């Protein structure tokens, strides 16, 4: 007998749960990639994506994951030898910096660890010394999916403006788009990258790059851009085929259209509020469990926690054991402690993450929390009692 039999629940921080409507939309014959319905459908995607991103400027779609979107963004506005400044709050800032280095750029990381937000004052110290404006971009993660911290784009823009530094402000919103409020134009972000598999509830495989006129001017001055990554033909295609540098990702587009329709039907503000409320229910449970001494939320300040993912520590080896127990015993898959190693725990076995983004409701969250609480009990991990009740109280508030 196994209590894991039944529909499994993937509570990792991406890919997120795929709605039935998205899967059903993709269950279709291959469409014409040159004219007709797919062309019309694709032309509706860009305005809806831009609305979620908070921009009236430009967007390009790539057949790629978030790493591909990273490379696309860098390739359009930066050339080998250019310096970039990377304030880091976790693994994914380091990943983007490594991508930059692989393209011949020169990244300089300002390290804030994995349990704190970016301090604009420290970033300002570096940029203030850059009197010849060698740094061409400041690249950061809006939400670092590994550490679960949320950073403030507005503070970085205010810092750049105060210094009068011309560096592009580039944001990684792979984990946050559709989950966290993001106002690209109002907040002064020049380039933003995201992907399909998290808040946008579509299978992995689509990368998005949004860019404003300032970034477009930088692109126009570039001596060379890869034919595939070039955002110019993708953002203003003369022929539908050019949207994607070749054959369109047909069924991903069908799925994305269904996902965007779901967001529009719910209303973006309502979708953001729902995910914020469900995140607060998860935190309420975790804060009670913390009282037992073993479990610890990675980000202490609620105001800095992502609404998309929560990272937790529970003791060396026990994070891995808890993940195995929830998956094998109850059909709940939790995220591993990616990039959360410590000297005592170099492989991050004491950490796990709860993904809570996109297609998610109250009974899914309460069910997941119930399984986690059962796992803590079964594995005799010390924890405060009443976590599930605390989460239920948050849900009961409506």
Protein backbone atom coordinates (compact mmCIF):
# COMPACT_ATOMS: atom_id res chain seq x y z
CA UNK A 1 0.00 0.00 0.00
CA UNK A 2 1.27 3.48 -0.85
CA UNK A 3 -0.27 6.82 0.08
CA UNK A 4 1.56 8.31 -2.90
CA UNK A 5 -0.80 6.69 -5.39
CA UNK A 6 -3.02 9.25 -7.06
CA UNK A 7 -2.23 12.51 -8.80
CA UNK A 8 1.26 13.73 -7.83
CA UNK A 9 1.85 17.34 -6.80
CA UNK A 10 4.99 19.04 -8.10
CA UNK A 11 5.76 21.79 -5.57
CA UNK A 12 9.18 22.71 -6.90
CA UNK A 13 9.94 26.31 -7.94
CA UNK A 14 9.51 25.61 -11.64
CA UNK A 15 8.34 24.00 -13.76
CA UNK A 16 5.16 24.88 -11.96
CA UNK A 17 1.88 22.99 -12.07
CA UNK A 18 0.53 22.99 -15.63
CA UNK A 19 -3.20 23.81 -15.83
CA UNK A 20 -5.41 21.34 -17.67
CA UNK A 21 -6.46 24.17 -20.00
CA UNK A 22 -2.83 24.67 -21.05
CA UNK A 23 -2.23 20.97 -21.61
CA UNK A 24 -5.48 20.62 -23.56
CA UNK A 25 -4.64 23.60 -25.77
CA UNK A 26 -1.37 21.92 -26.69
CA UNK A 27 -3.11 18.66 -27.56
CA UNK A 28 -3.68 19.69 -31.18
CA UNK A 29 -2.40 18.86 -34.67
CA UNK A 30 0.60 20.82 -35.91
CA UNK A 31 -0.60 24.19 -37.25
CA UNK A 32 0.57 26.10 -40.32
CA UNK A 33 3.67 28.10 -39.35
CA UNK A 34 3.44 30.60 -42.21
CA UNK A 35 -0.08 32.01 -42.14
CA UNK A 36 -3.45 31.62 -40.53
CA UNK A 37 -4.48 31.05 -36.95
CA UNK A 38 -1.03 30.62 -35.40
CA UNK A 39 0.13 33.94 -36.83
CA UNK A 40 -2.93 35.71 -35.47
CA UNK A 41 -2.54 34.00 -32.08
CA UNK A 42 1.14 34.97 -31.78
CA UNK A 43 0.37 38.61 -32.51
CA UNK A 44 -1.89 38.61 -29.43
CA UNK A 45 0.82 37.23 -27.14
CA UNK A 46 3.19 40.19 -27.17
CA UNK A 47 0.72 42.81 -25.84
CA UNK A 48 -0.45 40.47 -23.08
CA UNK A 49 3.11 39.60 -22.05
CA UNK A 50 4.04 43.28 -22.02
CA UNK A 51 1.04 44.04 -19.82
CA UNK A 52 2.25 41.52 -17.22
CA UNK A 53 5.77 42.96 -17.47
CA UNK A 54 4.50 46.51 -17.05
CA UNK A 55 5.98 47.83 -20.29
CA UNK A 56 4.78 49.53 -23.46
CA UNK A 57 8.07 48.95 -25.19
CA UNK A 58 9.51 45.91 -26.96
CA UNK A 59 9.54 42.15 -26.48
CA UNK A 60 11.11 39.16 -28.19
CA UNK A 61 10.28 35.47 -27.79
CA UNK A 62 12.96 32.79 -28.01
CA UNK A 63 12.82 29.01 -28.16
CA UNK A 64 14.86 28.72 -24.99
CA UNK A 65 14.75 28.39 -21.24
CA UNK A 66 15.72 31.18 -18.87
CA UNK A 67 19.42 30.60 -19.50
CA UNK A 68 18.80 31.18 -23.19
CA UNK A 69 16.98 34.42 -22.37
CA UNK A 70 20.02 35.45 -20.29
CA UNK A 71 22.30 34.94 -23.28
CA UNK A 72 19.91 36.65 -25.68
CA UNK A 73 19.74 39.76 -23.50
CA UNK A 74 23.50 39.95 -23.05
CA UNK A 75 24.22 39.35 -26.73
CA UNK A 76 22.11 42.30 -27.87
CA UNK A 77 23.62 45.04 -25.71
CA UNK A 78 27.11 43.94 -24.64
CA UNK A 79 30.31 43.12 -26.50
CA UNK A 80 33.37 41.10 -25.47
CA UNK A 81 35.46 43.09 -23.02
CA UNK A 82 32.53 45.07 -21.60
CA UNK A 83 32.33 45.17 -17.80
CA UNK A 84 29.10 44.29 -15.99
CA UNK A 85 28.28 44.66 -12.31
CA UNK A 86 26.35 41.81 -10.69
CA UNK A 87 24.87 42.28 -7.20
CA UNK A 88 24.36 38.70 -6.02
CA UNK A 89 21.83 37.26 -3.57
CA UNK A 90 22.10 33.65 -4.65
CA UNK A 91 22.95 31.06 -7.24
CA UNK A 92 21.18 32.62 -10.19
CA UNK A 93 23.07 35.91 -10.10
CA UNK A 94 26.24 33.83 -10.24
CA UNK A 95 24.75 31.87 -13.13
CA UNK A 96 24.04 34.99 -15.14
CA UNK A 97 27.53 36.31 -14.36
CA UNK A 98 29.02 33.03 -15.56
CA UNK A 99 26.98 33.33 -18.75
CA UNK A 100 28.42 36.82 -19.23
CA UNK A 101 31.96 35.57 -18.72
CA UNK A 102 31.38 32.85 -21.30
CA UNK A 103 30.48 35.55 -23.83
CA UNK A 104 33.72 37.39 -23.19
CA UNK A 105 32.29 39.98 -20.85
CA UNK A 106 33.98 40.93 -17.57
CA UNK A 107 31.59 40.46 -14.64
CA UNK A 108 32.30 41.89 -11.20
CA UNK A 109 30.17 40.36 -8.45
CA UNK A 110 29.11 42.29 -5.36
CA UNK A 111 28.23 39.50 -2.95
CA UNK A 112 25.35 39.75 -0.48
CA UNK A 113 25.17 36.06 0.40
CA UNK A 114 22.02 33.94 0.25
CA UNK A 115 20.04 35.38 3.16
CA UNK A 116 19.96 39.12 2.46
CA UNK A 117 18.70 41.54 -0.15
CA UNK A 118 20.84 43.84 -2.32
CA UNK A 119 22.13 46.91 -0.50
CA UNK A 120 22.08 49.73 -3.11
CA UNK A 121 24.59 51.74 -1.07
CA UNK A 122 27.26 49.07 -1.52
CA UNK A 123 26.55 48.89 -5.24
CA UNK A 124 26.74 52.68 -5.39
CA UNK A 125 30.23 52.61 -3.88
CA UNK A 126 31.48 50.53 -6.78
CA UNK A 127 29.74 52.59 -9.43
CA UNK A 128 30.79 55.91 -7.90
CA UNK A 129 34.41 54.87 -8.42
CA UNK A 130 33.65 54.02 -12.04
CA UNK A 131 34.25 57.55 -13.31
CA UNK A 132 34.94 56.45 -16.89
CA UNK A 133 31.68 54.42 -16.94
CA UNK A 134 33.39 51.14 -17.77
CA UNK A 135 30.42 49.22 -16.35
CA UNK A 136 27.92 48.92 -19.17
CA UNK A 137 25.20 47.13 -17.21
CA UNK A 138 24.01 46.25 -13.71
CA UNK A 139 22.49 42.75 -13.76
CA UNK A 140 20.42 41.36 -10.88
CA UNK A 141 17.75 38.80 -10.02
CA UNK A 142 14.36 40.22 -9.04
CA UNK A 143 13.76 36.93 -7.23
CA UNK A 144 16.58 34.48 -6.73
CA UNK A 145 14.89 31.11 -7.07
CA UNK A 146 17.51 29.40 -4.89
CA UNK A 147 17.59 31.71 -1.89
CA UNK A 148 13.96 32.93 -2.26
CA UNK A 149 14.89 36.58 -1.64
CA UNK A 150 13.09 39.37 -3.52
CA UNK A 151 15.17 42.39 -4.55
CA UNK A 152 13.99 45.95 -5.20
CA UNK A 153 14.48 47.21 -8.78
CA UNK A 154 13.33 50.71 -7.84
CA UNK A 155 16.13 51.12 -5.32
CA UNK A 156 18.73 50.19 -7.93
CA UNK A 157 17.24 52.59 -10.47
CA UNK A 158 17.20 55.41 -7.92
CA UNK A 159 20.85 54.70 -7.14
CA UNK A 160 21.86 54.79 -10.82
CA UNK A 161 19.95 58.01 -11.39
CA UNK A 162 21.48 59.67 -8.34
CA UNK A 163 24.95 58.80 -9.57
CA UNK A 164 24.12 59.74 -13.16
CA UNK A 165 25.60 56.43 -14.27
CA UNK A 166 24.50 55.33 -17.76
CA UNK A 167 24.72 51.56 -17.18
CA UNK A 168 21.74 49.56 -18.33
CA UNK A 169 19.64 48.09 -15.53
CA UNK A 170 18.95 44.44 -16.41
CA UNK A 171 16.59 42.24 -14.38
CA UNK A 172 16.15 38.47 -14.25
CA UNK A 173 12.42 37.87 -13.67
CA UNK A 174 12.33 34.19 -14.56
CA UNK A 175 10.91 33.29 -11.14
CA UNK A 176 8.84 36.42 -10.59
CA UNK A 177 6.93 37.31 -13.76
CA UNK A 178 3.24 36.71 -13.19
CA UNK A 179 3.83 36.14 -9.46
CA UNK A 180 5.33 39.37 -8.17
CA UNK A 181 4.36 42.88 -9.18
CA UNK A 182 6.84 44.13 -11.77
CA UNK A 183 6.56 47.56 -13.41
CA UNK A 184 9.34 47.64 -15.97
CA UNK A 185 8.69 51.13 -17.30
CA UNK A 186 7.68 52.80 -14.04
CA UNK A 187 10.66 51.27 -12.21
CA UNK A 188 13.18 52.20 -14.90
CA UNK A 189 14.37 48.73 -15.85
CA UNK A 190 15.98 48.73 -19.30
CA UNK A 191 16.10 44.99 -20.05
CA UNK A 192 14.15 42.19 -18.40
CA UNK A 193 14.30 38.45 -19.04
CA UNK A 194 11.83 35.74 -18.13
CA UNK A 195 10.62 32.31 -19.18
CA UNK A 196 7.44 30.31 -19.57
CA UNK A 197 7.65 27.60 -16.92
CA UNK A 198 6.96 29.37 -13.63
CA UNK A 199 4.36 32.09 -13.10
CA UNK A 200 3.26 31.82 -16.73
CA UNK A 201 2.23 28.16 -16.23
CA UNK A 202 3.51 26.90 -19.59
CA UNK A 203 6.02 24.07 -20.13
CA UNK A 204 9.71 25.02 -20.22
CA UNK A 205 10.92 26.10 -23.63
CA UNK A 206 10.02 29.76 -24.16
CA UNK A 207 12.31 32.61 -23.13
CA UNK A 208 11.27 36.26 -23.17
CA UNK A 209 13.36 39.43 -23.39
CA UNK A 210 11.71 42.80 -22.84
CA UNK A 211 13.68 45.97 -23.65
CA UNK A 212 13.08 49.70 -23.77
CA UNK A 213 14.18 52.36 -26.26
CA UNK A 214 17.44 53.03 -24.38
CA UNK A 215 18.41 49.38 -24.75
CA UNK A 216 17.28 49.41 -28.39
CA UNK A 217 19.67 52.31 -29.04
CA UNK A 218 22.52 50.35 -27.47
CA UNK A 219 21.63 47.39 -29.68
CA UNK A 220 21.65 49.63 -32.77
CA UNK A 221 25.24 50.64 -32.00
CA UNK A 222 26.47 47.08 -31.56
CA UNK A 223 29.06 46.05 -34.17
CA UNK A 224 27.77 42.49 -34.31
CA UNK A 225 24.93 40.41 -32.83
CA UNK A 226 24.33 36.70 -33.36
CA UNK A 227 21.73 36.11 -36.07
CA UNK A 228 19.80 33.82 -33.77
CA UNK A 229 19.85 35.97 -30.62
CA UNK A 230 19.27 39.29 -32.40
CA UNK A 231 16.07 40.77 -31.01
CA UNK A 232 15.49 43.21 -33.89
CA UNK A 233 13.88 40.79 -36.38
CA UNK A 234 12.01 39.06 -33.56
CA UNK A 235 10.49 42.22 -32.11
CA UNK A 236 9.59 43.75 -35.50
CA UNK A 237 9.32 40.82 -37.90
CA UNK A 238 8.68 41.46 -41.57
CA UNK A 239 7.66 37.82 -41.89
CA UNK A 240 6.14 35.58 -39.21
CA UNK A 241 8.97 33.04 -39.59
CA UNK A 242 11.37 35.68 -38.22
CA UNK A 243 9.58 35.88 -34.86
CA UNK A 244 11.48 32.77 -33.80
CA UNK A 245 14.57 32.71 -35.98
CA UNK A 246 13.01 29.82 -37.87
CA UNK A 247 10.23 27.35 -37.18
CA UNK A 248 7.85 28.54 -34.46
CA UNK A 249 7.49 26.62 -31.15
CA UNK A 250 3.93 25.87 -32.20
CA UNK A 251 2.48 23.99 -29.27
CA UNK A 252 4.20 26.11 -26.66
CA UNK A 253 2.50 29.12 -28.21
CA UNK A 254 -0.87 27.39 -28.01
CA UNK A 255 -0.24 26.59 -24.34
CA UNK A 256 0.99 30.10 -23.57
CA UNK A 257 -2.12 31.60 -25.12
CA UNK A 258 -4.29 29.47 -22.84
CA UNK A 259 -2.21 30.45 -19.79
CA UNK A 260 -2.43 34.17 -20.60
CA UNK A 261 -6.17 33.80 -21.11
CA UNK A 262 -6.42 32.34 -17.60
CA UNK A 263 -4.48 35.28 -16.14
CA UNK A 264 -6.67 37.75 -18.01
CA UNK A 265 -9.86 36.01 -16.87
CA UNK A 266 -8.75 36.09 -13.24
CA UNK A 267 -7.29 39.57 -13.56
CA UNK A 268 -3.58 40.20 -13.03
CA UNK A 269 -4.16 42.05 -9.76
CA UNK A 270 -6.25 39.16 -8.45
CA UNK A 271 -3.65 36.62 -9.56
CA UNK A 272 -0.89 38.51 -7.76
CA UNK A 273 -3.04 38.87 -4.63
CA UNK A 274 -3.91 35.16 -4.64
CA UNK A 275 -0.28 34.10 -4.85
CA UNK A 276 0.71 36.59 -2.13
CA UNK A 277 -2.01 35.27 0.20
CA UNK A 278 -1.04 31.65 -0.39
CA UNK A 279 2.62 32.51 0.23
CA UNK A 280 1.66 34.13 3.54
CA UNK A 281 -0.18 30.95 4.54
CA UNK A 282 2.96 28.92 3.88
CA UNK A 283 5.04 31.36 5.92
CA UNK A 284 2.56 31.18 8.79
CA UNK A 285 2.99 27.42 8.97
CA UNK A 286 6.77 27.59 8.66
CA UNK A 287 7.05 30.26 11.36
CA UNK A 288 5.18 27.99 13.77
CA UNK A 289 7.32 25.00 12.83
CA UNK A 290 10.42 27.12 13.50
CA UNK A 291 9.47 27.25 17.19
CA UNK A 292 10.65 23.65 17.53
CA UNK A 293 14.22 24.67 16.81
CA UNK A 294 15.23 22.58 13.79
CA UNK A 295 13.51 24.33 10.88
CA UNK A 296 14.49 27.82 9.74
CA UNK A 297 13.18 30.09 7.00
CA UNK A 298 16.10 31.28 4.89
CA UNK A 299 14.77 34.85 4.57
CA UNK A 300 13.86 36.25 7.98
CA UNK A 301 12.09 39.44 6.89
CA UNK A 302 8.66 38.77 5.37
CA UNK A 303 8.96 41.93 3.25
CA UNK A 304 11.95 40.40 1.45
CA UNK A 305 10.47 36.95 0.81
CA UNK A 306 9.41 35.90 -2.65
CA UNK A 307 5.77 35.06 -3.29
CA UNK A 308 6.98 32.37 -5.71
CA UNK A 309 9.25 30.17 -3.60
CA UNK A 310 10.25 29.66 0.02
CA UNK A 311 13.68 28.28 0.95
CA UNK A 312 14.16 26.55 4.30
CA UNK A 313 16.87 24.82 6.29
CA UNK A 314 16.12 21.85 8.54
CA UNK A 315 19.49 20.38 9.53
CA UNK A 316 22.27 18.60 7.66
CA UNK A 317 20.87 15.66 5.73
CA UNK A 318 17.33 16.21 6.90
CA UNK A 319 16.20 18.38 4.01
CA UNK A 320 17.00 15.58 1.61
CA UNK A 321 15.33 13.01 3.86
CA UNK A 322 12.20 15.14 4.12
CA UNK A 323 12.00 15.54 0.35
CA UNK A 324 12.33 11.80 -0.12
CA UNK A 325 9.66 11.11 2.48
CA UNK A 326 7.10 13.55 1.03
CA UNK A 327 7.63 12.24 -2.51
CA UNK A 328 7.75 8.53 -1.78
CA UNK A 329 5.11 8.43 0.94
CA UNK A 330 2.64 11.10 -0.11
CA UNK A 331 3.28 12.06 -3.76
CA UNK A 332 4.49 15.60 -2.97
CA UNK A 333 7.71 16.69 -4.68
CA UNK A 334 9.56 19.53 -2.96
CA UNK A 335 12.49 21.47 -4.39
CA UNK A 336 16.04 20.65 -3.41
CA UNK A 337 18.29 23.16 -1.66
CA UNK A 338 19.85 24.54 -4.82
CA UNK A 339 22.91 26.70 -4.21
CA UNK A 340 22.37 26.68 -0.43
CA UNK A 341 25.50 24.87 0.66
CA UNK A 342 27.38 25.77 3.85
CA UNK A 343 30.81 24.70 5.16
CA UNK A 344 29.04 22.18 7.40
CA UNK A 345 26.72 21.08 4.59
CA UNK A 346 28.61 21.45 1.28
CA UNK A 347 25.97 19.56 -0.70
CA UNK A 348 23.01 21.48 0.70
CA UNK A 349 21.34 18.35 2.08
CA UNK A 350 19.83 20.30 4.95
CA UNK A 351 17.79 22.62 2.73
CA UNK A 352 14.60 22.32 0.72
CA UNK A 353 12.29 24.69 -1.14
CA UNK A 354 8.55 24.98 -1.55
CA UNK A 355 7.45 26.29 -4.93
CA UNK A 356 4.15 28.20 -4.77
CA UNK A 357 3.53 29.97 -8.04
CA UNK A 358 1.12 30.03 -10.93
CA UNK A 359 -1.71 27.47 -10.98
CA UNK A 360 -2.19 27.17 -7.23
CA UNK A 361 -5.09 27.34 -4.81
CA UNK A 362 -5.84 26.99 -1.10
CA UNK A 363 -6.47 23.25 -0.98
CA UNK A 364 -3.20 22.56 -2.82
CA UNK A 365 -1.24 24.66 -0.34
CA UNK A 366 -2.97 23.20 2.72
CA UNK A 367 -2.48 19.69 1.37
CA UNK A 368 1.22 20.29 0.76
CA UNK A 369 1.68 21.79 4.22
CA UNK A 370 -0.15 18.85 5.78
CA UNK A 371 2.22 16.43 4.07
CA UNK A 372 5.27 18.43 5.15
CA UNK A 373 4.03 18.46 8.74
CA UNK A 374 3.47 14.70 8.56
CA UNK A 375 7.00 14.28 7.22
CA UNK A 376 8.48 16.36 10.04
CA UNK A 377 6.64 14.14 12.51
CA UNK A 378 7.53 10.86 10.81
CA UNK A 379 11.22 11.76 10.64
CA UNK A 380 11.20 13.08 14.21
CA UNK A 381 12.44 16.49 13.12
CA UNK A 382 11.77 18.90 16.01
CA UNK A 383 9.11 21.44 15.05
CA UNK A 384 6.53 23.63 16.67
CA UNK A 385 2.99 22.28 16.78
CA UNK A 386 0.09 23.92 14.98
CA UNK A 387 1.69 24.96 11.69
CA UNK A 388 -1.17 23.67 9.59
CA UNK A 389 -3.70 25.41 11.81
CA UNK A 390 -1.80 28.70 11.41
CA UNK A 391 -1.91 28.35 7.64
CA UNK A 392 -5.62 27.50 7.75
CA UNK A 393 -6.25 30.64 9.79
CA UNK A 394 -4.62 32.76 7.07
CA UNK A 395 -6.77 31.08 4.41
CA UNK A 396 -9.88 31.58 6.57
CA UNK A 397 -9.29 35.34 6.52
CA UNK A 398 -10.00 35.31 2.77
